Amino acid sequence: MPAYTNDHLSLDHLEKLAERFSMSTQDAAKFMLWSRQMPWLADKPIQQRIAKFRELHPLAWPEF
C-alpha cells in the first residue's frame, strides 16, 4: 500500500512548484491545469512553460 495517495502527491507537488516559482498554490494549480491543455509545450523546460503562462495570464503577476 503506498504511503501517499495521488491527491497528496499532487498537493505536495503544487506546494513545491509554488515555492520554487514564487506563486500561490492556487496559481500553481492553474498552471498545472493550463499546461495539461498545452501538450505542444510538454517538451519545453518548466521555466519556459512558466514564462509562457505568466505572459498569457499577466494579472496573476502584476508589475511592481
PDB file of N, CA and C in Angstrom:
ATOM      1  N   MET A   1       0.855  -1.187   0.000  1.00  0.00           N
ATOM      2  CA  MET A   1       0.000   0.000   0.000  1.00  0.00           C
ATOM      3  C   MET A   1       0.899   1.248   0.000  1.00  0.00           C
ATOM      4  N   PRO A   2       0.659   2.170  -0.927  1.00  0.00           N
ATOM      5  CA  PRO A   2       1.514   3.367  -0.988  1.00  0.00           C
ATOM      6  C   PRO A   2       1.306   4.269   0.229  1.00  0.00           C
ATOM      7  N   ALA A   3       2.355   4.971   0.567  1.00  0.00           N
ATOM      8  CA  ALA A   3       2.290   5.865   1.722  1.00  0.00           C
ATOM      9  C   ALA A   3       1.443   7.099   1.439  1.00  0.00           C
ATOM     10  N   TYR A   4       1.349   7.499   0.177  1.00  0.00           N
ATOM     11  CA  TYR A   4       0.610   8.708  -0.194  1.00  0.00           C
ATOM     12  C   TYR A   4      -0.400   8.395  -1.284  1.00  0.00           C
ATOM     13  N   THR A   5      -1.508   9.098  -1.265  1.00  0.00           N
ATOM     14  CA  THR A   5      -2.465   8.984  -2.354  1.00  0.00           C
ATOM     15  C   THR A   5      -2.031   9.916  -3.474  1.00  0.00           C
ATOM     16  N   ASN A   6      -2.624   9.767  -4.640  1.00  0.00           N
ATOM     17  CA  ASN A   6      -2.310  10.665  -5.756  1.00  0.00           C
ATOM     18  C   ASN A   6      -2.635  12.109  -5.416  1.00  0.00           C
ATOM     19  N   ASP A   7      -3.729  12.329  -4.678  1.00  0.00           N
ATOM     20  CA  ASP A   7      -4.096  13.693  -4.291  1.00  0.00           C
ATOM     21  C   ASP A   7      -3.040  14.310  -3.390  1.00  0.00           C
ATOM     22  N   HIS A   8      -2.517  13.522  -2.465  1.00  0.00           N
ATOM     23  CA  HIS A   8      -1.495  14.042  -1.555  1.00  0.00           C
ATOM     24  C   HIS A   8      -0.220  14.357  -2.323  1.00  0.00           C
ATOM     25  N   LEU A   9       0.157  13.481  -3.254  1.00  0.00           N
ATOM     26  CA  LEU A   9       1.342  13.741  -4.071  1.00  0.00           C
ATOM     27  C   LEU A   9       1.144  14.987  -4.920  1.00  0.00           C
ATOM     28  N   SER A  10      -0.044  15.171  -5.455  1.00  0.00           N
ATOM     29  CA  SER A  10      -0.324  16.351  -6.268  1.00  0.00           C
ATOM     30  C   SER A  10      -0.232  17.620  -5.435  1.00  0.00           C
ATOM     31  N   LEU A  11      -0.764  17.587  -4.227  1.00  0.00           N
ATOM     32  CA  LEU A  11      -0.707  18.754  -3.349  1.00  0.00           C
ATOM     33  C   LEU A  11       0.741  19.069  -2.986  1.00  0.00           C
ATOM     34  N   ASP A  12       1.524  18.034  -2.684  1.00  0.00           N
ATOM     35  CA  ASP A  12       2.938  18.228  -2.375  1.00  0.00           C
ATOM     36  C   ASP A  12       3.655  18.835  -3.580  1.00  0.00           C
ATOM     37  N   HIS A  13       3.356  18.337  -4.769  1.00  0.00           N
ATOM     38  CA  HIS A  13       3.962  18.863  -5.998  1.00  0.00           C
ATOM     39  C   HIS A  13       3.566  20.324  -6.208  1.00  0.00           C
ATOM     40  N   LEU A  14       2.295  20.640  -5.984  1.00  0.00           N
ATOM     41  CA  LEU A  14       1.821  22.022  -6.122  1.00  0.00           C
ATOM     42  C   LEU A  14       2.553  22.958  -5.165  1.00  0.00           C
ATOM     43  N   GLU A  15       2.702  22.529  -3.927  1.00  0.00           N
ATOM     44  CA  GLU A  15       3.378  23.373  -2.936  1.00  0.00           C
ATOM     45  C   GLU A  15       4.835  23.618  -3.317  1.00  0.00           C
ATOM     46  N   LYS A  16       5.512  22.588  -3.813  1.00  0.00           N
ATOM     47  CA  LYS A  16       6.908  22.744  -4.231  1.00  0.00           C
ATOM     48  C   LYS A  16       7.019  23.644  -5.457  1.00  0.00           C
ATOM     49  N   LEU A  17       6.104  23.472  -6.408  1.00  0.00           N
ATOM     50  CA  LEU A  17       6.084  24.312  -7.604  1.00  0.00           C
ATOM     51  C   LEU A  17       5.844  25.768  -7.225  1.00  0.00           C
ATOM     52  N   ALA A  18       4.885  25.994  -6.346  1.00  0.00           N
ATOM     53  CA  ALA A  18       4.560  27.353  -5.904  1.00  0.00           C
ATOM     54  C   ALA A  18       5.752  28.004  -5.216  1.00  0.00           C
ATOM     55  N   GLU A  19       6.416  27.252  -4.356  1.00  0.00           N
ATOM     56  CA  GLU A  19       7.573  27.797  -3.643  1.00  0.00           C
ATOM     57  C   GLU A  19       8.721  28.094  -4.608  1.00  0.00           C
ATOM     58  N   ARG A  20       8.972  27.183  -5.527  1.00  0.00           N
ATOM     59  CA  ARG A  20      10.094  27.345  -6.462  1.00  0.00           C
ATOM     60  C   ARG A  20       9.927  28.559  -7.362  1.00  0.00           C
ATOM     61  N   PHE A  21       8.688  28.827  -7.792  1.00  0.00           N
ATOM     62  CA  PHE A  21       8.453  29.907  -8.745  1.00  0.00           C
ATOM     63  C   PHE A  21       7.721  31.099  -8.138  1.00  0.00           C
ATOM     64  N   SER A  22       7.735  31.207  -6.824  1.00  0.00           N
ATOM     65  CA  SER A  22       7.156  32.354  -6.105  1.00  0.00           C
ATOM     66  C   SER A  22       5.728  32.654  -6.541  1.00  0.00           C
ATOM     67  N   MET A  23       4.884  31.651  -6.434  1.00  0.00           N
ATOM     68  CA  MET A  23       3.469  31.829  -6.765  1.00  0.00           C
ATOM     69  C   MET A  23       2.633  31.145  -5.691  1.00  0.00           C
ATOM     70  N   SER A  24       1.361  31.469  -5.671  1.00  0.00           N
ATOM     71  CA  SER A  24       0.471  30.821  -4.712  1.00  0.00           C
ATOM     72  C   SER A  24       0.191  29.393  -5.173  1.00  0.00           C
ATOM     73  N   THR A  25      -0.274  28.556  -4.261  1.00  0.00           N
ATOM     74  CA  THR A  25      -0.626  27.195  -4.665  1.00  0.00           C
ATOM     75  C   THR A  25      -1.806  27.215  -5.630  1.00  0.00           C
ATOM     76  N   GLN A  26      -2.682  28.221  -5.504  1.00  0.00           N
ATOM     77  CA  GLN A  26      -3.802  28.348  -6.433  1.00  0.00           C
ATOM     78  C   GLN A  26      -3.284  28.632  -7.843  1.00  0.00           C
ATOM     79  N   ASP A  27      -2.315  29.533  -7.968  1.00  0.00           N
ATOM     80  CA  ASP A  27      -1.743  29.824  -9.280  1.00  0.00           C
ATOM     81  C   ASP A  27      -0.958  28.630  -9.816  1.00  0.00           C
ATOM     82  N   ALA A  28      -0.305  27.893  -8.934  1.00  0.00           N
ATOM     83  CA  ALA A  28       0.409  26.686  -9.355  1.00  0.00           C
ATOM     84  C   ALA A  28      -0.578  25.657  -9.899  1.00  0.00           C
ATOM     85  N   ALA A  29      -1.737  25.536  -9.253  1.00  0.00           N
ATOM     86  CA  ALA A  29      -2.770  24.619  -9.738  1.00  0.00           C
ATOM     87  C   ALA A  29      -3.289  25.067 -11.100  1.00  0.00           C
ATOM     88  N   LYS A  30      -3.508  26.374 -11.259  1.00  0.00           N
ATOM     89  CA  LYS A  30      -3.947  26.903 -12.557  1.00  0.00           C
ATOM     90  C   LYS A  30      -2.909  26.607 -13.630  1.00  0.00           C
ATOM     91  N   PHE A  31      -1.614  26.768 -13.275  1.00  0.00           N
ATOM     92  CA  PHE A  31      -0.544  26.474 -14.221  1.00  0.00           C
ATOM     93  C   PHE A  31      -0.563  25.000 -14.624  1.00  0.00           C
ATOM     94  N   MET A  32      -0.728  24.106 -13.644  1.00  0.00           N
ATOM     95  CA  MET A  32      -0.734  22.674 -13.956  1.00  0.00           C
ATOM     96  C   MET A  32      -1.894  22.318 -14.873  1.00  0.00           C
ATOM     97  N   LEU A  33      -3.072  22.859 -14.605  1.00  0.00           N
ATOM     98  CA  LEU A  33      -4.225  22.592 -15.471  1.00  0.00           C
ATOM     99  C   LEU A  33      -4.006  23.173 -16.863  1.00  0.00           C
ATOM    100  N   TRP A  34      -3.483  24.387 -16.923  1.00  0.00           N
ATOM    101  CA  TRP A  34      -3.207  25.046 -18.197  1.00  0.00           C
ATOM    102  C   TRP A  34      -2.186  24.250 -19.001  1.00  0.00           C
ATOM    103  N   SER A  35      -1.115  23.787 -18.339  1.00  0.00           N
ATOM    104  CA  SER A  35      -0.053  23.092 -19.058  1.00  0.00           C
ATOM    105  C   SER A  35      -0.515  21.741 -19.594  1.00  0.00           C
ATOM    106  N   ARG A  36      -1.486  21.126 -18.937  1.00  0.00           N
ATOM    107  CA  ARG A  36      -2.039  19.862 -19.456  1.00  0.00           C
ATOM    108  C   ARG A  36      -2.829  20.090 -20.737  1.00  0.00           C
ATOM    109  N   GLN A  37      -3.322  21.298 -20.932  1.00  0.00           N
ATOM    110  CA  GLN A  37      -4.072  21.634 -22.143  1.00  0.00           C
ATOM    111  C   GLN A  37      -3.160  22.088 -23.272  1.00  0.00           C
ATOM    112  N   MET A  38      -1.866  22.180 -23.005  1.00  0.00           N
ATOM    113  CA  MET A  38      -0.887  22.641 -23.991  1.00  0.00           C
ATOM    114  C   MET A  38       0.168  21.552 -24.219  1.00  0.00           C
ATOM    115  N   PRO A  39      -0.215  20.419 -24.825  1.00  0.00           N
ATOM    116  CA  PRO A  39       0.739  19.311 -24.963  1.00  0.00           C
ATOM    117  C   PRO A  39       1.963  19.659 -25.800  1.00  0.00           C
ATOM    118  N   TRP A  40       1.856  20.639 -26.690  1.00  0.00           N
ATOM    119  CA  TRP A  40       2.999  21.026 -27.523  1.00  0.00           C
ATOM    120  C   TRP A  40       4.082  21.739 -26.716  1.00  0.00           C
ATOM    121  N   LEU A  41       3.773  22.137 -25.487  1.00  0.00           N
ATOM    122  CA  LEU A  41       4.778  22.747 -24.612  1.00  0.00           C
ATOM    123  C   LEU A  41       5.435  21.725 -23.678  1.00  0.00           C
ATOM    124  N   ALA A  42       4.979  20.491 -23.722  1.00  0.00           N
ATOM    125  CA  ALA A  42       5.451  19.478 -22.774  1.00  0.00           C
ATOM    126  C   ALA A  42       6.954  19.227 -22.847  1.00  0.00           C
ATOM    127  N   ASP A  43       7.544  19.390 -24.026  1.00  0.00           N
ATOM    128  CA  ASP A  43       8.978  19.124 -24.159  1.00  0.00           C
ATOM    129  C   ASP A  43       9.842  20.332 -23.809  1.00  0.00           C
ATOM    130  N   LYS A  44       9.222  21.446 -23.470  1.00  0.00           N
ATOM    131  CA  LYS A  44       9.959  22.664 -23.098  1.00  0.00           C
ATOM    132  C   LYS A  44      10.340  22.614 -21.617  1.00  0.00           C
ATOM    133  N   PRO A  45      11.439  23.258 -21.243  1.00  0.00           N
ATOM    134  CA  PRO A  45      11.796  23.332 -19.819  1.00  0.00           C
ATOM    135  C   PRO A  45      10.697  24.051 -19.030  1.00  0.00           C
ATOM    136  N   ILE A  46      10.560  23.691 -17.769  1.00  0.00           N
ATOM    137  CA  ILE A  46       9.488  24.263 -16.951  1.00  0.00           C
ATOM    138  C   ILE A  46       9.587  25.779 -16.858  1.00  0.00           C
ATOM    139  N   GLN A  47      10.798  26.328 -16.861  1.00  0.00           N
ATOM    140  CA  GLN A  47      10.949  27.781 -16.793  1.00  0.00           C
ATOM    141  C   GLN A  47      10.295  28.446 -17.999  1.00  0.00           C
ATOM    142  N   GLN A  48      10.422  27.843 -19.180  1.00  0.00           N
ATOM    143  CA  GLN A  48       9.793  28.401 -20.383  1.00  0.00           C
ATOM    144  C   GLN A  48       8.279  28.276 -20.316  1.00  0.00           C
ATOM    145  N   ARG A  49       7.794  27.157 -19.779  1.00  0.00           N
ATOM    146  CA  ARG A  49       6.344  26.984 -19.658  1.00  0.00           C
ATOM    147  C   ARG A  49       5.765  27.975 -18.653  1.00  0.00           C
ATOM    148  N   ILE A  50       6.458  28.196 -17.535  1.00  0.00           N
ATOM    149  CA  ILE A  50       6.016  29.180 -16.538  1.00  0.00           C
ATOM    150  C   ILE A  50       6.004  30.571 -17.160  1.00  0.00           C
ATOM    151  N   ALA A  51       7.040  30.911 -17.916  1.00  0.00           N
ATOM    152  CA  ALA A  51       7.114  32.232 -18.563  1.00  0.00           C
ATOM    153  C   ALA A  51       5.956  32.414 -19.535  1.00  0.00           C
ATOM    154  N   LYS A  52       5.630  31.392 -20.311  1.00  0.00           N
ATOM    155  CA  LYS A  52       4.515  31.475 -21.264  1.00  0.00           C
ATOM    156  C   LYS A  52       3.195  31.638 -20.509  1.00  0.00           C
ATOM    157  N   PHE A  53       3.025  30.906 -19.421  1.00  0.00           N
ATOM    158  CA  PHE A  53       1.815  31.014 -18.609  1.00  0.00           C
ATOM    159  C   PHE A  53       1.669  32.424 -18.056  1.00  0.00           C
ATOM    160  N   ARG A  54       2.755  32.972 -17.539  1.00  0.00           N
ATOM    161  CA  ARG A  54       2.710  34.329 -16.983  1.00  0.00           C
ATOM    162  C   ARG A  54       2.461  35.364 -18.065  1.00  0.00           C
ATOM    163  N   GLU A  55       2.964  35.113 -19.261  1.00  0.00           N
ATOM    164  CA  GLU A  55       2.725  36.029 -20.384  1.00  0.00           C
ATOM    165  C   GLU A  55       1.242  36.050 -20.752  1.00  0.00           C
ATOM    166  N   LEU A  56       0.613  34.888 -20.736  1.00  0.00           N
ATOM    167  CA  LEU A  56      -0.795  34.779 -21.107  1.00  0.00           C
ATOM    168  C   LEU A  56      -1.747  35.142 -19.967  1.00  0.00           C
ATOM    169  N   HIS A  57      -1.256  35.116 -18.738  1.00  0.00           N
ATOM    170  CA  HIS A  57      -2.072  35.428 -17.562  1.00  0.00           C
ATOM    171  C   HIS A  57      -1.377  36.502 -16.727  1.00  0.00           C
ATOM    172  N   PRO A  58      -1.220  37.700 -17.256  1.00  0.00           N
ATOM    173  CA  PRO A  58      -0.426  38.736 -16.578  1.00  0.00           C
ATOM    174  C   PRO A  58      -1.041  39.270 -15.284  1.00  0.00           C
ATOM    175  N   LEU A  59      -2.333  39.148 -15.094  1.00  0.00           N
ATOM    176  CA  LEU A  59      -2.960  39.695 -13.890  1.00  0.00           C
ATOM    177  C   LEU A  59      -2.522  38.961 -12.631  1.00  0.00           C
ATOM    178  N   ALA A  60      -2.080  37.727 -12.778  1.00  0.00           N
ATOM    179  CA  ALA A  60      -1.631  36.963 -11.620  1.00  0.00           C
ATOM    180  C   ALA A  60      -0.295  37.478 -11.093  1.00  0.00           C
ATOM    181  N   TRP A  61       0.485  38.160 -11.968  1.00  0.00           N
ATOM    182  CA  TRP A  61       1.803  38.660 -11.576  1.00  0.00           C
ATOM    183  C   TRP A  61       1.921  40.121 -11.969  1.00  0.00           C
ATOM    184  N   PRO A  62       1.331  41.019 -11.175  1.00  0.00           N
ATOM    185  CA  PRO A  62       1.402  42.444 -11.522  1.00  0.00           C
ATOM    186  C   PRO A  62       2.834  42.960 -11.477  1.00  0.00           C
ATOM    187  N   GLU A  63       3.116  43.917 -12.336  1.00  0.00           N
ATOM    188  CA  GLU A  63       4.436  44.552 -12.360  1.00  0.00           C
ATOM    189  C   GLU A  63       4.537  45.533 -11.202  1.00  0.00           C
ATOM    190  N   PHE A  64       5.660  45.555 -10.529  1.00  0.00           N
ATOM    191  CA  PHE A  64       5.869  46.488  -9.418  1.00  0.00           C
ATOM    192  C   PHE A  64       6.826  47.564  -9.832  1.00  0.00           C
TER     193      PHE A  64
END
